[in-house]
Every structure is written in structure tokens, then in C-alpha cells.
Amino acid sequence: MVPYIIGALILGYTGFVVYKKAKDVKAGKSCCSSCSGCPIEGKCK
């Protein structure tokens, strides 16, 4: 039973991280240090 709980927690956290990253990209935020060659270069600035 414990492996299922741990797996569910990991899956839930992974889903949260992906959701947060997608939300940040849509808002124009990015964690990269350079916009040169970035596919969302026009949204950063």
C-alpha cells in the first residue's frame, strides 16, 4: 500500500510542477538566462 501512496504523491507533485511551468510560460515568465534562439523569445520582453 505504501508504494502506491508514494507513487501518487510523486505523480501529483509532477503534475503540479508541469501545470505551474505551463502557467508561467503563458504569463511570459521564463527561467532561462538567454532569449537568443528561444521559441518564446517574443513573449519574454
PDB file of N, CA and C in Angstrom:
ATOM      1  N   MET A   1       0.817  -1.199   0.000  1.00  0.00           N
ATOM      2  CA  MET A   1       0.000   0.000   0.000  1.00  0.00           C
ATOM      3  C   MET A   1       0.865   1.270   0.000  1.00  0.00           C
ATOM      4  N   VAL A   2       1.963   1.239   0.749  1.00  0.00           N
ATOM      5  CA  VAL A   2       2.847   2.397   0.835  1.00  0.00           C
ATOM      6  C   VAL A   2       3.417   2.798  -0.529  1.00  0.00           C
ATOM      7  N   PRO A   3       3.844   1.856  -1.376  1.00  0.00           N
ATOM      8  CA  PRO A   3       4.361   2.261  -2.693  1.00  0.00           C
ATOM      9  C   PRO A   3       3.320   3.012  -3.534  1.00  0.00           C
ATOM     10  N   TYR A   4       2.054   2.649  -3.396  1.00  0.00           N
ATOM     11  CA  TYR A   4       1.007   3.359  -4.140  1.00  0.00           C
ATOM     12  C   TYR A   4       0.833   4.788  -3.640  1.00  0.00           C
ATOM     13  N   ILE A   5       0.933   4.969  -2.350  1.00  0.00           N
ATOM     14  CA  ILE A   5       0.812   6.318  -1.769  1.00  0.00           C
ATOM     15  C   ILE A   5       1.988   7.183  -2.217  1.00  0.00           C
ATOM     16  N   ILE A   6       3.186   6.636  -2.143  1.00  0.00           N
ATOM     17  CA  ILE A   6       4.374   7.377  -2.572  1.00  0.00           C
ATOM     18  C   ILE A   6       4.290   7.693  -4.062  1.00  0.00           C
ATOM     19  N   GLY A   7       3.867   6.734  -4.864  1.00  0.00           N
ATOM     20  CA  GLY A   7       3.710   6.962  -6.302  1.00  0.00           C
ATOM     21  C   GLY A   7       2.685   8.038  -6.607  1.00  0.00           C
ATOM     22  N   ALA A   8       1.577   8.028  -5.858  1.00  0.00           N
ATOM     23  CA  ALA A   8       0.539   9.049  -6.053  1.00  0.00           C
ATOM     24  C   ALA A   8       1.066  10.430  -5.675  1.00  0.00           C
ATOM     25  N   LEU A   9       1.843  10.515  -4.609  1.00  0.00           N
ATOM     26  CA  LEU A   9       2.420  11.799  -4.210  1.00  0.00           C
ATOM     27  C   LEU A   9       3.396  12.326  -5.260  1.00  0.00           C
ATOM     28  N   ILE A  10       4.231  11.432  -5.773  1.00  0.00           N
ATOM     29  CA  ILE A  10       5.183  11.836  -6.809  1.00  0.00           C
ATOM     30  C   ILE A  10       4.451  12.272  -8.071  1.00  0.00           C
ATOM     31  N   LEU A  11       3.444  11.521  -8.461  1.00  0.00           N
ATOM     32  CA  LEU A  11       2.654  11.868  -9.646  1.00  0.00           C
ATOM     33  C   LEU A  11       1.934  13.200  -9.466  1.00  0.00           C
ATOM     34  N   GLY A  12       1.375  13.417  -8.294  1.00  0.00           N
ATOM     35  CA  GLY A  12       0.694  14.678  -8.013  1.00  0.00           C
ATOM     36  C   GLY A  12       1.641  15.861  -8.047  1.00  0.00           C
ATOM     37  N   TYR A  13       2.815  15.698  -7.458  1.00  0.00           N
ATOM     38  CA  TYR A  13       3.796  16.784  -7.454  1.00  0.00           C
ATOM     39  C   TYR A  13       4.290  17.069  -8.868  1.00  0.00           C
ATOM     40  N   THR A  14       4.529  16.024  -9.644  1.00  0.00           N
ATOM     41  CA  THR A  14       4.964  16.203 -11.027  1.00  0.00           C
ATOM     42  C   THR A  14       3.911  16.955 -11.833  1.00  0.00           C
ATOM     43  N   GLY A  15       2.653  16.602 -11.649  1.00  0.00           N
ATOM     44  CA  GLY A  15       1.570  17.307 -12.324  1.00  0.00           C
ATOM     45  C   GLY A  15       1.517  18.767 -11.935  1.00  0.00           C
ATOM     46  N   PHE A  16       1.735  19.051 -10.651  1.00  0.00           N
ATOM     47  CA  PHE A  16       1.742  20.434 -10.182  1.00  0.00           C
ATOM     48  C   PHE A  16       2.875  21.233 -10.822  1.00  0.00           C
ATOM     49  N   VAL A  17       4.062  20.636 -10.903  1.00  0.00           N
ATOM     50  CA  VAL A  17       5.214  21.319 -11.489  1.00  0.00           C
ATOM     51  C   VAL A  17       4.967  21.623 -12.970  1.00  0.00           C
ATOM     52  N   VAL A  18       4.413  20.662 -13.690  1.00  0.00           N
ATOM     53  CA  VAL A  18       4.116  20.876 -15.109  1.00  0.00           C
ATOM     54  C   VAL A  18       3.060  21.969 -15.275  1.00  0.00           C
ATOM     55  N   TYR A  19       2.025  21.940 -14.450  1.00  0.00           N
ATOM     56  CA  TYR A  19       0.979  22.963 -14.505  1.00  0.00           C
ATOM     57  C   TYR A  19       1.554  24.350 -14.218  1.00  0.00           C
ATOM     58  N   LYS A  20       2.391  24.450 -13.193  1.00  0.00           N
ATOM     59  CA  LYS A  20       2.987  25.736 -12.819  1.00  0.00           C
ATOM     60  C   LYS A  20       3.880  26.263 -13.936  1.00  0.00           C
ATOM     61  N   LYS A  21       4.672  25.378 -14.539  1.00  0.00           N
ATOM     62  CA  LYS A  21       5.561  25.799 -15.624  1.00  0.00           C
ATOM     63  C   LYS A  21       4.758  26.283 -16.829  1.00  0.00           C
ATOM     64  N   ALA A  22       3.694  25.574 -17.179  1.00  0.00           N
ATOM     65  CA  ALA A  22       2.855  25.987 -18.301  1.00  0.00           C
ATOM     66  C   ALA A  22       2.196  27.336 -18.013  1.00  0.00           C
ATOM     67  N   LYS A  23       1.757  27.527 -16.789  1.00  0.00           N
ATOM     68  CA  LYS A  23       1.134  28.800 -16.399  1.00  0.00           C
ATOM     69  C   LYS A  23       2.145  29.942 -16.480  1.00  0.00           C
ATOM     70  N   ASP A  24       3.379  29.701 -16.031  1.00  0.00           N
ATOM     71  CA  ASP A  24       4.419  30.722 -16.096  1.00  0.00           C
ATOM     72  C   ASP A  24       4.776  31.073 -17.535  1.00  0.00           C
ATOM     73  N   VAL A  25       4.853  30.075 -18.405  1.00  0.00           N
ATOM     74  CA  VAL A  25       5.181  30.329 -19.812  1.00  0.00           C
ATOM     75  C   VAL A  25       4.075  31.155 -20.461  1.00  0.00           C
ATOM     76  N   LYS A  26       2.825  30.840 -20.169  1.00  0.00           N
ATOM     77  CA  LYS A  26       1.715  31.611 -20.736  1.00  0.00           C
ATOM     78  C   LYS A  26       1.719  33.046 -20.235  1.00  0.00           C
ATOM     79  N   ALA A  27       2.204  33.250 -18.999  1.00  0.00           N
ATOM     80  CA  ALA A  27       2.259  34.595 -18.422  1.00  0.00           C
ATOM     81  C   ALA A  27       3.490  35.366 -18.894  1.00  0.00           C
ATOM     82  N   GLY A  28       4.359  34.705 -19.676  1.00  0.00           N
ATOM     83  CA  GLY A  28       5.538  35.373 -20.201  1.00  0.00           C
ATOM     84  C   GLY A  28       6.749  35.238 -19.306  1.00  0.00           C
ATOM     85  N   LYS A  29       6.645  34.477 -18.252  1.00  0.00           N
ATOM     86  CA  LYS A  29       7.787  34.258 -17.364  1.00  0.00           C
ATOM     87  C   LYS A  29       8.601  33.092 -17.901  1.00  0.00           C
ATOM     88  N   SER A  30       9.885  33.139 -17.665  1.00  0.00           N
ATOM     89  CA  SER A  30      10.750  32.065 -18.111  1.00  0.00           C
ATOM     90  C   SER A  30      11.936  31.966 -17.168  1.00  0.00           C
ATOM     91  N   CYS A  31      12.477  30.771 -17.033  1.00  0.00           N
ATOM     92  CA  CYS A  31      13.619  30.592 -16.139  1.00  0.00           C
ATOM     93  C   CYS A  31      14.933  30.533 -16.899  1.00  0.00           C
ATOM     94  N   CYS A  32      14.900  30.748 -18.185  1.00  0.00           N
ATOM     95  CA  CYS A  32      16.144  30.681 -18.952  1.00  0.00           C
ATOM     96  C   CYS A  32      16.917  31.991 -18.806  1.00  0.00           C
ATOM     97  N   SER A  33      18.193  31.947 -19.086  1.00  0.00           N
ATOM     98  CA  SER A  33      19.029  33.136 -18.911  1.00  0.00           C
ATOM     99  C   SER A  33      19.228  33.908 -20.203  1.00  0.00           C
ATOM    100  N   SER A  34      18.868  33.330 -21.315  1.00  0.00           N
ATOM    101  CA  SER A  34      19.083  33.980 -22.601  1.00  0.00           C
ATOM    102  C   SER A  34      17.896  33.726 -23.508  1.00  0.00           C
ATOM    103  N   CYS A  35      17.446  34.762 -24.211  1.00  0.00           N
ATOM    104  CA  CYS A  35      16.315  34.610 -25.123  1.00  0.00           C
ATOM    105  C   CYS A  35      16.768  34.300 -26.550  1.00  0.00           C
ATOM    106  N   SER A  36      18.051  34.295 -26.796  1.00  0.00           N
ATOM    107  CA  SER A  36      18.554  34.029 -28.129  1.00  0.00           C
ATOM    108  C   SER A  36      18.246  32.584 -28.517  1.00  0.00           C
ATOM    109  N   GLY A  37      17.443  32.413 -29.548  1.00  0.00           N
ATOM    110  CA  GLY A  37      17.087  31.106 -30.041  1.00  0.00           C
ATOM    111  C   GLY A  37      15.952  30.443 -29.286  1.00  0.00           C
ATOM    112  N   CYS A  38      15.369  31.131 -28.345  1.00  0.00           N
ATOM    113  CA  CYS A  38      14.281  30.583 -27.540  1.00  0.00           C
ATOM    114  C   CYS A  38      12.987  30.631 -28.363  1.00  0.00           C
ATOM    115  N   PRO A  39      12.171  29.568 -28.330  1.00  0.00           N
ATOM    116  CA  PRO A  39      10.939  29.566 -29.117  1.00  0.00           C
ATOM    117  C   PRO A  39       9.905  30.597 -28.655  1.00  0.00           C
ATOM    118  N   ILE A  40       9.985  31.055 -27.405  1.00  0.00           N
ATOM    119  CA  ILE A  40       9.048  32.077 -26.930  1.00  0.00           C
ATOM    120  C   ILE A  40       9.755  33.412 -26.716  1.00  0.00           C
ATOM    121  N   GLU A  41      10.735  33.681 -27.535  1.00  0.00           N
ATOM    122  CA  GLU A  41      11.556  34.879 -27.393  1.00  0.00           C
ATOM    123  C   GLU A  41      10.707  36.157 -27.378  1.00  0.00           C
ATOM    124  N   GLY A  42       9.694  36.236 -28.206  1.00  0.00           N
ATOM    125  CA  GLY A  42       8.859  37.430 -28.291  1.00  0.00           C
ATOM    126  C   GLY A  42       7.999  37.665 -27.057  1.00  0.00           C
ATOM    127  N   LYS A  43       7.756  36.650 -26.252  1.00  0.00           N
ATOM    128  CA  LYS A  43       6.914  36.788 -25.070  1.00  0.00           C
ATOM    129  C   LYS A  43       7.699  37.184 -23.833  1.00  0.00           C
ATOM    130  N   CYS A  44       9.013  37.049 -23.848  1.00  0.00           N
ATOM    131  CA  CYS A  44       9.835  37.316 -22.663  1.00  0.00           C
ATOM    132  C   CYS A  44       9.900  38.791 -22.316  1.00  0.00           C
ATOM    133  N   LYS A  45       9.983  39.606 -23.303  1.00  0.00           N
ATOM    134  CA  LYS A  45      10.280  41.018 -23.053  1.00  0.00           C
ATOM    135  C   LYS A  45       9.076  41.884 -22.990  1.00  0.00           C
TER     136      LYS A  45
END
